[in-house]
Amino acid sequence: MTAVALPGTTYDPRALLGVGVPAHVLVHLDDGWTPAWLIGRLHCANGWVALVQYVDPDGREQTCRLPADRVAVSPPTDRPQ
């Protein structure tokens, strides 16, 4: 897996806003960071909310809304090195 800059104490939502939808992301859930799909972004009164889909430990697909600071955008893997 490619190294990802995970959100720290200060969060800048520009990375989340700059990717096309759908996009591969990592989301912070109860068990830690999990791969997911970003399928939408909503601007609410208290900030940005991400609409994501992921597979839970039981193998079921889940869709939920998370605060933007719980979403890490993976860097593109198709860049030439």
PDB file of N, CA and C in Angstrom:
ATOM      1  N   MET A   1       0.848  -1.173   0.000  1.00  0.00           N
ATOM      2  CA  MET A   1       0.000   0.000   0.000  1.00  0.00           C
ATOM      3  C   MET A   1       0.890   1.230   0.000  1.00  0.00           C
ATOM      4  N   THR A   2       0.476   2.262  -0.688  1.00  0.00           N
ATOM      5  CA  THR A   2       1.204   3.512  -0.755  1.00  0.00           C
ATOM      6  C   THR A   2       1.081   4.253   0.562  1.00  0.00           C
ATOM      7  N   ALA A   3       2.172   4.877   0.996  1.00  0.00           N
ATOM      8  CA  ALA A   3       2.126   5.661   2.229  1.00  0.00           C
ATOM      9  C   ALA A   3       1.178   6.835   2.041  1.00  0.00           C
ATOM     10  N   VAL A   4       0.404   7.128   3.071  1.00  0.00           N
ATOM     11  CA  VAL A   4      -0.605   8.177   3.005  1.00  0.00           C
ATOM     12  C   VAL A   4      -0.384   9.133   4.162  1.00  0.00           C
ATOM     13  N   ALA A   5      -0.502  10.415   3.899  1.00  0.00           N
ATOM     14  CA  ALA A   5      -0.424  11.402   4.972  1.00  0.00           C
ATOM     15  C   ALA A   5      -1.772  11.423   5.680  1.00  0.00           C
ATOM     16  N   LEU A   6      -1.812  10.893   6.892  1.00  0.00           N
ATOM     17  CA  LEU A   6      -3.052  10.832   7.643  1.00  0.00           C
ATOM     18  C   LEU A   6      -3.275  12.157   8.358  1.00  0.00           C
ATOM     19  N   PRO A   7      -4.525  12.559   8.529  1.00  0.00           N
ATOM     20  CA  PRO A   7      -4.793  13.831   9.184  1.00  0.00           C
ATOM     21  C   PRO A   7      -4.185  13.893  10.570  1.00  0.00           C
ATOM     22  N   GLY A   8      -3.635  15.027  10.900  1.00  0.00           N
ATOM     23  CA  GLY A   8      -3.051  15.255  12.217  1.00  0.00           C
ATOM     24  C   GLY A   8      -3.967  16.142  13.042  1.00  0.00           C
ATOM     25  N   THR A   9      -3.363  16.948  13.902  1.00  0.00           N
ATOM     26  CA  THR A   9      -4.171  17.797  14.767  1.00  0.00           C
ATOM     27  C   THR A   9      -4.783  18.963  13.999  1.00  0.00           C
ATOM     28  N   THR A  10      -4.112  19.446  12.951  1.00  0.00           N
ATOM     29  CA  THR A  10      -4.710  20.482  12.111  1.00  0.00           C
ATOM     30  C   THR A  10      -5.082  19.839  10.792  1.00  0.00           C
ATOM     31  N   TYR A  11      -6.299  20.049  10.358  1.00  0.00           N
ATOM     32  CA  TYR A  11      -6.794  19.378   9.167  1.00  0.00           C
ATOM     33  C   TYR A  11      -7.126  20.411   8.099  1.00  0.00           C
ATOM     34  N   ASP A  12      -6.674  20.159   6.892  1.00  0.00           N
ATOM     35  CA  ASP A  12      -6.952  21.014   5.746  1.00  0.00           C
ATOM     36  C   ASP A  12      -7.827  20.224   4.774  1.00  0.00           C
ATOM     37  N   PRO A  13      -9.097  20.624   4.564  1.00  0.00           N
ATOM     38  CA  PRO A  13     -10.012  19.837   3.734  1.00  0.00           C
ATOM     39  C   PRO A  13      -9.741  19.939   2.237  1.00  0.00           C
ATOM     40  N   ARG A  14      -8.748  20.724   1.788  1.00  0.00           N
ATOM     41  CA  ARG A  14      -8.522  20.892   0.355  1.00  0.00           C
ATOM     42  C   ARG A  14      -8.218  19.578  -0.355  1.00  0.00           C
ATOM     43  N   ALA A  15      -7.536  18.645   0.300  1.00  0.00           N
ATOM     44  CA  ALA A  15      -7.251  17.351  -0.336  1.00  0.00           C
ATOM     45  C   ALA A  15      -8.552  16.610  -0.648  1.00  0.00           C
ATOM     46  N   LEU A  16      -9.490  16.631   0.269  1.00  0.00           N
ATOM     47  CA  LEU A  16     -10.783  15.970   0.070  1.00  0.00           C
ATOM     48  C   LEU A  16     -11.577  16.658  -1.039  1.00  0.00           C
ATOM     49  N   LEU A  17     -11.499  17.965  -1.103  1.00  0.00           N
ATOM     50  CA  LEU A  17     -12.274  18.719  -2.088  1.00  0.00           C
ATOM     51  C   LEU A  17     -11.667  18.654  -3.477  1.00  0.00           C
ATOM     52  N   GLY A  18     -10.375  18.335  -3.559  1.00  0.00           N
ATOM     53  CA  GLY A  18      -9.699  18.343  -4.842  1.00  0.00           C
ATOM     54  C   GLY A  18      -9.751  17.048  -5.626  1.00  0.00           C
ATOM     55  N   VAL A  19     -10.289  15.986  -5.065  1.00  0.00           N
ATOM     56  CA  VAL A  19     -10.332  14.714  -5.785  1.00  0.00           C
ATOM     57  C   VAL A  19     -11.684  14.529  -6.457  1.00  0.00           C
ATOM     58  N   GLY A  20     -11.667  13.830  -7.586  1.00  0.00           N
ATOM     59  CA  GLY A  20     -12.911  13.494  -8.262  1.00  0.00           C
ATOM     60  C   GLY A  20     -13.635  12.400  -7.505  1.00  0.00           C
ATOM     61  N   VAL A  21     -14.909  12.302  -7.728  1.00  0.00           N
ATOM     62  CA  VAL A  21     -15.727  11.292  -7.065  1.00  0.00           C
ATOM     63  C   VAL A  21     -16.195  10.306  -8.120  1.00  0.00           C
ATOM     64  N   PRO A  22     -16.093   9.023  -7.929  1.00  0.00           N
ATOM     65  CA  PRO A  22     -15.606   8.335  -6.741  1.00  0.00           C
ATOM     66  C   PRO A  22     -14.077   8.324  -6.685  1.00  0.00           C
ATOM     67  N   ALA A  23     -13.554   8.131  -5.463  1.00  0.00           N
ATOM     68  CA  ALA A  23     -12.114   8.092  -5.266  1.00  0.00           C
ATOM     69  C   ALA A  23     -11.777   7.110  -4.144  1.00  0.00           C
ATOM     70  N   HIS A  24     -10.613   6.471  -4.270  1.00  0.00           N
ATOM     71  CA  HIS A  24     -10.116   5.608  -3.194  1.00  0.00           C
ATOM     72  C   HIS A  24      -9.627   6.487  -2.055  1.00  0.00           C
ATOM     73  N   VAL A  25     -10.029   6.167  -0.836  1.00  0.00           N
ATOM     74  CA  VAL A  25      -9.597   6.898   0.353  1.00  0.00           C
ATOM     75  C   VAL A  25      -9.395   5.910   1.496  1.00  0.00           C
ATOM     76  N   LEU A  26      -8.887   6.414   2.599  1.00  0.00           N
ATOM     77  CA  LEU A  26      -8.845   5.674   3.851  1.00  0.00           C
ATOM     78  C   LEU A  26      -9.743   6.419   4.827  1.00  0.00           C
ATOM     79  N   VAL A  27     -10.527   5.673   5.617  1.00  0.00           N
ATOM     80  CA  VAL A  27     -11.400   6.297   6.604  1.00  0.00           C
ATOM     81  C   VAL A  27     -11.055   5.784   7.987  1.00  0.00           C
ATOM     82  N   HIS A  28     -11.157   6.671   8.975  1.00  0.00           N
ATOM     83  CA  HIS A  28     -10.870   6.283  10.349  1.00  0.00           C
ATOM     84  C   HIS A  28     -12.166   5.868  11.024  1.00  0.00           C
ATOM     85  N   LEU A  29     -12.267   4.570  11.318  1.00  0.00           N
ATOM     86  CA  LEU A  29     -13.423   4.006  12.007  1.00  0.00           C
ATOM     87  C   LEU A  29     -12.980   3.558  13.388  1.00  0.00           C
ATOM     88  N   ASP A  30     -13.828   2.873  14.113  1.00  0.00           N
ATOM     89  CA  ASP A  30     -13.508   2.413  15.468  1.00  0.00           C
ATOM     90  C   ASP A  30     -12.271   1.530  15.512  1.00  0.00           C
ATOM     91  N   ASP A  31     -12.068   0.710  14.468  1.00  0.00           N
ATOM     92  CA  ASP A  31     -10.963  -0.244  14.460  1.00  0.00           C
ATOM     93  C   ASP A  31      -9.691   0.315  13.843  1.00  0.00           C
ATOM     94  N   GLY A  32      -9.670   1.590  13.471  1.00  0.00           N
ATOM     95  CA  GLY A  32      -8.503   2.182  12.828  1.00  0.00           C
ATOM     96  C   GLY A  32      -8.822   2.598  11.403  1.00  0.00           C
ATOM     97  N   TRP A  33      -7.797   2.693  10.576  1.00  0.00           N
ATOM     98  CA  TRP A  33      -7.947   3.151   9.189  1.00  0.00           C
ATOM     99  C   TRP A  33      -8.341   1.993   8.279  1.00  0.00           C
ATOM    100  N   THR A  34      -9.356   2.219   7.423  1.00  0.00           N
ATOM    101  CA  THR A  34      -9.914   1.208   6.535  1.00  0.00           C
ATOM    102  C   THR A  34     -10.018   1.768   5.115  1.00  0.00           C
ATOM    103  N   PRO A  35      -9.688   0.974   4.096  1.00  0.00           N
ATOM    104  CA  PRO A  35      -9.883   1.439   2.719  1.00  0.00           C
ATOM    105  C   PRO A  35     -11.371   1.653   2.432  1.00  0.00           C
ATOM    106  N   ALA A  36     -11.669   2.663   1.628  1.00  0.00           N
ATOM    107  CA  ALA A  36     -13.058   2.983   1.309  1.00  0.00           C
ATOM    108  C   ALA A  36     -13.124   3.739  -0.012  1.00  0.00           C
ATOM    109  N   TRP A  37     -14.340   3.973  -0.469  1.00  0.00           N
ATOM    110  CA  TRP A  37     -14.612   4.810  -1.643  1.00  0.00           C
ATOM    111  C   TRP A  37     -15.255   6.093  -1.163  1.00  0.00           C
ATOM    112  N   LEU A  38     -14.740   7.225  -1.602  1.00  0.00           N
ATOM    113  CA  LEU A  38     -15.404   8.505  -1.393  1.00  0.00           C
ATOM    114  C   LEU A  38     -16.436   8.636  -2.503  1.00  0.00           C
ATOM    115  N   ILE A  39     -17.705   8.736  -2.152  1.00  0.00           N
ATOM    116  CA  ILE A  39     -18.752   8.809  -3.170  1.00  0.00           C
ATOM    117  C   ILE A  39     -19.498  10.141  -3.142  1.00  0.00           C
ATOM    118  N   GLY A  40     -19.187  10.997  -2.176  1.00  0.00           N
ATOM    119  CA  GLY A  40     -19.842  12.299  -2.126  1.00  0.00           C
ATOM    120  C   GLY A  40     -19.240  13.179  -1.053  1.00  0.00           C
ATOM    121  N   ARG A  41     -19.486  14.494  -1.191  1.00  0.00           N
ATOM    122  CA  ARG A  41     -19.029  15.482  -0.209  1.00  0.00           C
ATOM    123  C   ARG A  41     -20.182  16.438   0.038  1.00  0.00           C
ATOM    124  N   LEU A  42     -20.460  16.706   1.285  1.00  0.00           N
ATOM    125  CA  LEU A  42     -21.538  17.611   1.651  1.00  0.00           C
ATOM    126  C   LEU A  42     -20.970  18.737   2.505  1.00  0.00           C
ATOM    127  N   HIS A  43     -21.378  19.962   2.230  1.00  0.00           N
ATOM    128  CA  HIS A  43     -20.965  21.081   3.071  1.00  0.00           C
ATOM    129  C   HIS A  43     -22.083  21.364   4.045  1.00  0.00           C
ATOM    130  N   CYS A  44     -21.780  21.216   5.320  1.00  0.00           N
ATOM    131  CA  CYS A  44     -22.763  21.446   6.371  1.00  0.00           C
ATOM    132  C   CYS A  44     -22.367  22.702   7.156  1.00  0.00           C
ATOM    133  N   ALA A  45     -23.200  23.120   8.064  1.00  0.00           N
ATOM    134  CA  ALA A  45     -22.930  24.319   8.854  1.00  0.00           C
ATOM    135  C   ALA A  45     -21.635  24.222   9.648  1.00  0.00           C
ATOM    136  N   ASN A  46     -21.272  23.007  10.060  1.00  0.00           N
ATOM    137  CA  ASN A  46     -20.061  22.842  10.872  1.00  0.00           C
ATOM    138  C   ASN A  46     -18.888  22.261  10.077  1.00  0.00           C
ATOM    139  N   GLY A  47     -18.928  22.316   8.754  1.00  0.00           N
ATOM    140  CA  GLY A  47     -17.795  21.863   7.941  1.00  0.00           C
ATOM    141  C   GLY A  47     -18.206  20.843   6.887  1.00  0.00           C
ATOM    142  N   TRP A  48     -17.190  20.226   6.294  1.00  0.00           N
ATOM    143  CA  TRP A  48     -17.402  19.244   5.229  1.00  0.00           C
ATOM    144  C   TRP A  48     -17.645  17.870   5.809  1.00  0.00           C
ATOM    145  N   VAL A  49     -18.539  17.124   5.173  1.00  0.00           N
ATOM    146  CA  VAL A  49     -18.848  15.746   5.554  1.00  0.00           C
ATOM    147  C   VAL A  49     -18.636  14.885   4.319  1.00  0.00           C
ATOM    148  N   ALA A  50     -17.977  13.747   4.500  1.00  0.00           N
ATOM    149  CA  ALA A  50     -17.718  12.820   3.395  1.00  0.00           C
ATOM    150  C   ALA A  50     -18.729  11.688   3.426  1.00  0.00           C
ATOM    151  N   LEU A  51     -19.257  11.346   2.258  1.00  0.00           N
ATOM    152  CA  LEU A  51     -20.115  10.176   2.109  1.00  0.00           C
ATOM    153  C   LEU A  51     -19.230   9.071   1.554  1.00  0.00           C
ATOM    154  N   VAL A  52     -19.075   7.989   2.308  1.00  0.00           N
ATOM    155  CA  VAL A  52     -18.129   6.924   1.938  1.00  0.00           C
ATOM    156  C   VAL A  52     -18.798   5.563   1.971  1.00  0.00           C
ATOM    157  N   GLN A  53     -18.216   4.625   1.216  1.00  0.00           N
ATOM    158  CA  GLN A  53     -18.621   3.219   1.251  1.00  0.00           C
ATOM    159  C   GLN A  53     -17.394   2.394   1.589  1.00  0.00           C
ATOM    160  N   TYR A  54     -17.578   1.387   2.439  1.00  0.00           N
ATOM    161  CA  TYR A  54     -16.493   0.489   2.832  1.00  0.00           C
ATOM    162  C   TYR A  54     -17.080  -0.877   3.146  1.00  0.00           C
ATOM    163  N   VAL A  55     -16.224  -1.865   3.257  1.00  0.00           N
ATOM    164  CA  VAL A  55     -16.647  -3.220   3.615  1.00  0.00           C
ATOM    165  C   VAL A  55     -16.310  -3.443   5.085  1.00  0.00           C
ATOM    166  N   ASP A  56     -17.320  -3.795   5.884  1.00  0.00           N
ATOM    167  CA  ASP A  56     -17.090  -4.003   7.315  1.00  0.00           C
ATOM    168  C   ASP A  56     -16.426  -5.362   7.567  1.00  0.00           C
ATOM    169  N   PRO A  57     -16.002  -5.637   8.802  1.00  0.00           N
ATOM    170  CA  PRO A  57     -15.314  -6.899   9.098  1.00  0.00           C
ATOM    171  C   PRO A  57     -16.129  -8.153   8.782  1.00  0.00           C
ATOM    172  N   ASP A  58     -17.459  -8.026   8.700  1.00  0.00           N
ATOM    173  CA  ASP A  58     -18.312  -9.166   8.365  1.00  0.00           C
ATOM    174  C   ASP A  58     -18.517  -9.323   6.863  1.00  0.00           C
ATOM    175  N   GLY A  59     -17.866  -8.457   6.059  1.00  0.00           N
ATOM    176  CA  GLY A  59     -17.961  -8.556   4.611  1.00  0.00           C
ATOM    177  C   GLY A  59     -19.144  -7.830   4.001  1.00  0.00           C
ATOM    178  N   ARG A  60     -19.870  -7.051   4.801  1.00  0.00           N
ATOM    179  CA  ARG A  60     -21.015  -6.302   4.288  1.00  0.00           C
ATOM    180  C   ARG A  60     -20.597  -4.899   3.872  1.00  0.00           C
ATOM    181  N   GLU A  61     -21.131  -4.432   2.748  1.00  0.00           N
ATOM    182  CA  GLU A  61     -20.846  -3.073   2.305  1.00  0.00           C
ATOM    183  C   GLU A  61     -21.651  -2.088   3.144  1.00  0.00           C
ATOM    184  N   GLN A  62     -20.971  -1.071   3.634  1.00  0.00           N
ATOM    185  CA  GLN A  62     -21.603  -0.050   4.466  1.00  0.00           C
ATOM    186  C   GLN A  62     -21.448   1.318   3.805  1.00  0.00           C
ATOM    187  N   THR A  63     -22.423   2.159   3.944  1.00  0.00           N
ATOM    188  CA  THR A  63     -22.365   3.538   3.481  1.00  0.00           C
ATOM    189  C   THR A  63     -22.630   4.426   4.687  1.00  0.00           C
ATOM    190  N   CYS A  64     -21.769   5.432   4.874  1.00  0.00           N
ATOM    191  CA  CYS A  64     -21.960   6.324   6.016  1.00  0.00           C
ATOM    192  C   CYS A  64     -21.382   7.701   5.718  1.00  0.00           C
ATOM    193  N   ARG A  65     -21.747   8.650   6.553  1.00  0.00           N
ATOM    194  CA  ARG A  65     -21.190   9.995   6.490  1.00  0.00           C
ATOM    195  C   ARG A  65     -20.189  10.143   7.620  1.00  0.00           C
ATOM    196  N   LEU A  66     -19.032  10.718   7.303  1.00  0.00           N
ATOM    197  CA  LEU A  66     -17.985  10.936   8.292  1.00  0.00           C
ATOM    198  C   LEU A  66     -17.493  12.368   8.203  1.00  0.00           C
ATOM    199  N   PRO A  67     -17.043  12.935   9.323  1.00  0.00           N
ATOM    200  CA  PRO A  67     -16.413  14.246   9.252  1.00  0.00           C
ATOM    201  C   PRO A  67     -15.187  14.161   8.341  1.00  0.00           C
ATOM    202  N   ALA A  68     -14.915  15.222   7.622  1.00  0.00           N
ATOM    203  CA  ALA A  68     -13.817  15.227   6.657  1.00  0.00           C
ATOM    204  C   ALA A  68     -12.472  14.919   7.301  1.00  0.00           C
ATOM    205  N   ASP A  69     -12.282  15.242   8.579  1.00  0.00           N
ATOM    206  CA  ASP A  69     -10.992  14.972   9.211  1.00  0.00           C
ATOM    207  C   ASP A  69     -10.774  13.493   9.511  1.00  0.00           C
ATOM    208  N   ARG A  70     -11.760  12.637   9.244  1.00  0.00           N
ATOM    209  CA  ARG A  70     -11.606  11.193   9.406  1.00  0.00           C
ATOM    210  C   ARG A  70     -11.406  10.486   8.069  1.00  0.00           C
ATOM    211  N   VAL A  71     -11.100  11.277   7.018  1.00  0.00           N
ATOM    212  CA  VAL A  71     -10.873  10.741   5.680  1.00  0.00           C
ATOM    213  C   VAL A  71      -9.496  11.163   5.208  1.00  0.00           C
ATOM    214  N   ALA A  72      -8.684  10.199   4.763  1.00  0.00           N
ATOM    215  CA  ALA A  72      -7.365  10.471   4.208  1.00  0.00           C
ATOM    216  C   ALA A  72      -7.398  10.125   2.723  1.00  0.00           C
ATOM    217  N   VAL A  73      -6.985  11.081   1.912  1.00  0.00           N
ATOM    218  CA  VAL A  73      -6.987  10.887   0.469  1.00  0.00           C
ATOM    219  C   VAL A  73      -5.687  10.217   0.071  1.00  0.00           C
ATOM    220  N   SER A  74      -5.786   9.093  -0.636  1.00  0.00           N
ATOM    221  CA  SER A  74      -4.601   8.383  -1.108  1.00  0.00           C
ATOM    222  C   SER A  74      -3.977   9.150  -2.261  1.00  0.00           C
ATOM    223  N   PRO A  75      -2.652   9.231  -2.308  1.00  0.00           N
ATOM    224  CA  PRO A  75      -2.009   9.887  -3.451  1.00  0.00           C
ATOM    225  C   PRO A  75      -2.188   9.053  -4.705  1.00  0.00           C
ATOM    226  N   PRO A  76      -2.224   9.679  -5.890  1.00  0.00           N
ATOM    227  CA  PRO A  76      -2.363   8.910  -7.132  1.00  0.00           C
ATOM    228  C   PRO A  76      -1.209   7.936  -7.298  1.00  0.00           C
ATOM    229  N   THR A  77      -1.510   6.743  -7.823  1.00  0.00           N
ATOM    230  CA  THR A  77      -0.459   5.731  -8.012  1.00  0.00           C
ATOM    231  C   THR A  77       0.004   5.647  -9.448  1.00  0.00           C
ATOM    232  N   ASP A  78      -0.605   6.432 -10.346  1.00  0.00           N
ATOM    233  CA  ASP A  78      -0.239   6.340 -11.753  1.00  0.00           C
ATOM    234  C   ASP A  78       0.785   7.406 -12.178  1.00  0.00           C
ATOM    235  N   ARG A  79       1.406   8.085 -11.209  1.00  0.00           N
ATOM    236  CA  ARG A  79       2.440   9.065 -11.538  1.00  0.00           C
ATOM    237  C   ARG A  79       3.732   8.380 -11.937  1.00  0.00           C
ATOM    238  N   PRO A  80       4.418   8.881 -12.955  1.00  0.00           N
ATOM    239  CA  PRO A  80       5.727   8.319 -13.271  1.00  0.00           C
ATOM    240  C   PRO A  80       6.727   8.672 -12.193  1.00  0.00           C
ATOM    241  N   GLN A  81       7.645   7.749 -11.919  1.00  0.00           N
ATOM    242  CA  GLN A  81       8.634   7.999 -10.859  1.00  0.00           C
ATOM    243  C   GLN A  81      10.012   8.136 -11.418  1.00  0.00           C
TER     244      GLN A  81
END
